[in-house]
Amino acid sequence: MIEVIYWLFQIYSYMIIAYVLLSWLPNARESVIGDLLAKFVEPYLSPFRRFIPPIFGMIDISPIVALIALRFASYGLISLIGNFV
C-alpha cells in the first residue's frame, strides 16, 4: 500500500516536471500531451501561482514550491499510513 502511494506521488511529480518542460518548447502545451498534462497539473499549480509571483516578470518558481509541498505531503501521508499499518 505504501509503495503504491509513493509511486503515485512520484508519477505526479514527473507530470509536473514534464508540464514545466513543455513550457520551454514553442506550442508544446497546445499539443495533446500538453492538454492532458494541463488537465491534471493546473488545478494543483494554480493556488501556488496565485500566491507566488513570477520573478522578474517571467521566471515562475511556483512549480518548484509545488513540488516541495508535494514531497512533504507524500512523506507525511506515507508516515501516517505507516503508523497505522
C-alpha atoms as a PDB file:
ATOM      1  CA  MET A   1       0.000   0.000   0.000  1.00  0.00           C
ATOM      2  CA  ILE A   2       2.753   2.437   0.936  1.00  0.00           C
ATOM      3  CA  GLU A   3       4.678   1.644  -2.240  1.00  0.00           C
ATOM      4  CA  VAL A   4       1.624   2.393  -4.377  1.00  0.00           C
ATOM      5  CA  ILE A   5       1.138   5.777  -2.715  1.00  0.00           C
ATOM      6  CA  TYR A   6       4.840   6.542  -3.098  1.00  0.00           C
ATOM      7  CA  TRP A   7       4.756   5.727  -6.808  1.00  0.00           C
ATOM      8  CA  LEU A   8       1.590   7.747  -7.384  1.00  0.00           C
ATOM      9  CA  PHE A   9       3.262  10.794  -5.850  1.00  0.00           C
ATOM     10  CA  GLN A  10       6.370  10.143  -7.955  1.00  0.00           C
ATOM     11  CA  ILE A  11       4.348   9.897 -11.154  1.00  0.00           C
ATOM     12  CA  TYR A  12       2.518  13.115 -10.334  1.00  0.00           C
ATOM     13  CA  SER A  13       5.860  14.839  -9.663  1.00  0.00           C
ATOM     14  CA  TYR A  14       7.118  13.707 -13.052  1.00  0.00           C
ATOM     15  CA  MET A  15       3.924  15.011 -14.642  1.00  0.00           C
ATOM     16  CA  ILE A  16       4.563  18.439 -13.118  1.00  0.00           C
ATOM     17  CA  ILE A  17       8.166  18.407 -14.346  1.00  0.00           C
ATOM     18  CA  ALA A  18       7.071  17.386 -17.850  1.00  0.00           C
ATOM     19  CA  TYR A  19       4.458  20.144 -17.888  1.00  0.00           C
ATOM     20  CA  VAL A  20       7.050  22.733 -16.896  1.00  0.00           C
ATOM     21  CA  LEU A  21       9.481  21.471 -19.530  1.00  0.00           C
ATOM     22  CA  LEU A  22       6.750  21.735 -22.162  1.00  0.00           C
ATOM     23  CA  SER A  23       6.599  25.457 -21.490  1.00  0.00           C
ATOM     24  CA  TRP A  24      10.134  25.783 -22.848  1.00  0.00           C
ATOM     25  CA  LEU A  25       9.110  24.448 -26.256  1.00  0.00           C
ATOM     26  CA  PRO A  26       7.034  26.607 -28.582  1.00  0.00           C
ATOM     27  CA  ASN A  27       3.434  25.411 -28.924  1.00  0.00           C
ATOM     28  CA  ALA A  28       4.121  22.244 -26.934  1.00  0.00           C
ATOM     29  CA  ARG A  29       1.451  22.995 -24.347  1.00  0.00           C
ATOM     30  CA  GLU A  30      -1.144  23.160 -27.105  1.00  0.00           C
ATOM     31  CA  SER A  31      -0.434  19.559 -28.122  1.00  0.00           C
ATOM     32  CA  VAL A  32      -2.491  16.578 -26.997  1.00  0.00           C
ATOM     33  CA  ILE A  33       0.056  15.688 -24.325  1.00  0.00           C
ATOM     34  CA  GLY A  34       0.222  19.288 -23.140  1.00  0.00           C
ATOM     35  CA  ASP A  35      -3.563  19.487 -22.859  1.00  0.00           C
ATOM     36  CA  LEU A  36      -3.716  16.199 -20.951  1.00  0.00           C
ATOM     37  CA  LEU A  37      -0.983  17.264 -18.541  1.00  0.00           C
ATOM     38  CA  ALA A  38      -2.652  20.649 -18.071  1.00  0.00           C
ATOM     39  CA  LYS A  39      -5.898  18.975 -17.004  1.00  0.00           C
ATOM     40  CA  PHE A  40      -4.068  17.048 -14.285  1.00  0.00           C
ATOM     41  CA  VAL A  41      -1.429  19.552 -13.194  1.00  0.00           C
ATOM     42  CA  GLU A  42      -3.007  23.022 -13.472  1.00  0.00           C
ATOM     43  CA  PRO A  43      -5.549  22.521 -10.659  1.00  0.00           C
ATOM     44  CA  TYR A  44      -2.647  21.785  -8.310  1.00  0.00           C
ATOM     45  CA  LEU A  45      -0.339  24.525  -9.590  1.00  0.00           C
ATOM     46  CA  SER A  46      -2.889  27.353  -9.759  1.00  0.00           C
ATOM     47  CA  PRO A  47      -3.064  28.046  -5.985  1.00  0.00           C
ATOM     48  CA  PHE A  48       0.725  28.306  -5.868  1.00  0.00           C
ATOM     49  CA  ARG A  49       0.733  30.683  -8.837  1.00  0.00           C
ATOM     50  CA  ARG A  50      -1.780  32.924  -7.083  1.00  0.00           C
ATOM     51  CA  PHE A  51       0.497  33.460  -4.079  1.00  0.00           C
ATOM     52  CA  ILE A  52       3.941  33.323  -5.700  1.00  0.00           C
ATOM     53  CA  PRO A  53       4.501  35.977  -8.347  1.00  0.00           C
ATOM     54  CA  PRO A  54       6.981  35.355 -11.172  1.00  0.00           C
ATOM     55  CA  ILE A  55      10.497  36.639 -10.573  1.00  0.00           C
ATOM     56  CA  PHE A  56      11.451  39.492 -12.919  1.00  0.00           C
ATOM     57  CA  GLY A  57       8.058  39.049 -14.542  1.00  0.00           C
ATOM     58  CA  MET A  58       8.981  35.870 -16.403  1.00  0.00           C
ATOM     59  CA  ILE A  59      10.566  33.222 -14.156  1.00  0.00           C
ATOM     60  CA  ASP A  60       7.864  31.151 -12.476  1.00  0.00           C
ATOM     61  CA  ILE A  61       9.150  29.377  -9.363  1.00  0.00           C
ATOM     62  CA  SER A  62       5.731  28.188  -8.228  1.00  0.00           C
ATOM     63  CA  PRO A  63       6.231  24.668  -9.685  1.00  0.00           C
ATOM     64  CA  ILE A  64       9.356  24.287  -7.538  1.00  0.00           C
ATOM     65  CA  VAL A  65       7.423  25.246  -4.416  1.00  0.00           C
ATOM     66  CA  ALA A  66       4.571  22.974  -5.508  1.00  0.00           C
ATOM     67  CA  LEU A  67       6.969  20.039  -5.919  1.00  0.00           C
ATOM     68  CA  ILE A  68       8.439  20.657  -2.461  1.00  0.00           C
ATOM     69  CA  ALA A  69       4.933  20.801  -0.956  1.00  0.00           C
ATOM     70  CA  LEU A  70       4.003  17.609  -2.795  1.00  0.00           C
ATOM     71  CA  ARG A  71       7.103  15.891  -1.436  1.00  0.00           C
ATOM     72  CA  PHE A  72       6.257  16.937   2.133  1.00  0.00           C
ATOM     73  CA  ALA A  73       2.671  15.768   1.660  1.00  0.00           C
ATOM     74  CA  SER A  74       3.828  12.394   0.358  1.00  0.00           C
ATOM     75  CA  TYR A  75       6.223  11.895   3.276  1.00  0.00           C
ATOM     76  CA  GLY A  76       3.508  12.894   5.732  1.00  0.00           C
ATOM     77  CA  LEU A  77       0.895  10.612   4.230  1.00  0.00           C
ATOM     78  CA  ILE A  78       3.294   7.681   3.963  1.00  0.00           C
ATOM     79  CA  SER A  79       4.415   8.069   7.582  1.00  0.00           C
ATOM     80  CA  LEU A  80       0.807   8.440   8.734  1.00  0.00           C
ATOM     81  CA  ILE A  81      -0.223   5.263   6.912  1.00  0.00           C
ATOM     82  CA  GLY A  82       2.929   3.517   8.118  1.00  0.00           C
ATOM     83  CA  ASN A  83       1.961   4.198  11.741  1.00  0.00           C
ATOM     84  CA  PHE A  84      -1.451   2.604  11.275  1.00  0.00           C
ATOM     85  CA  VAL A  85      -0.389  -0.399   9.223  1.00  0.00           C
END
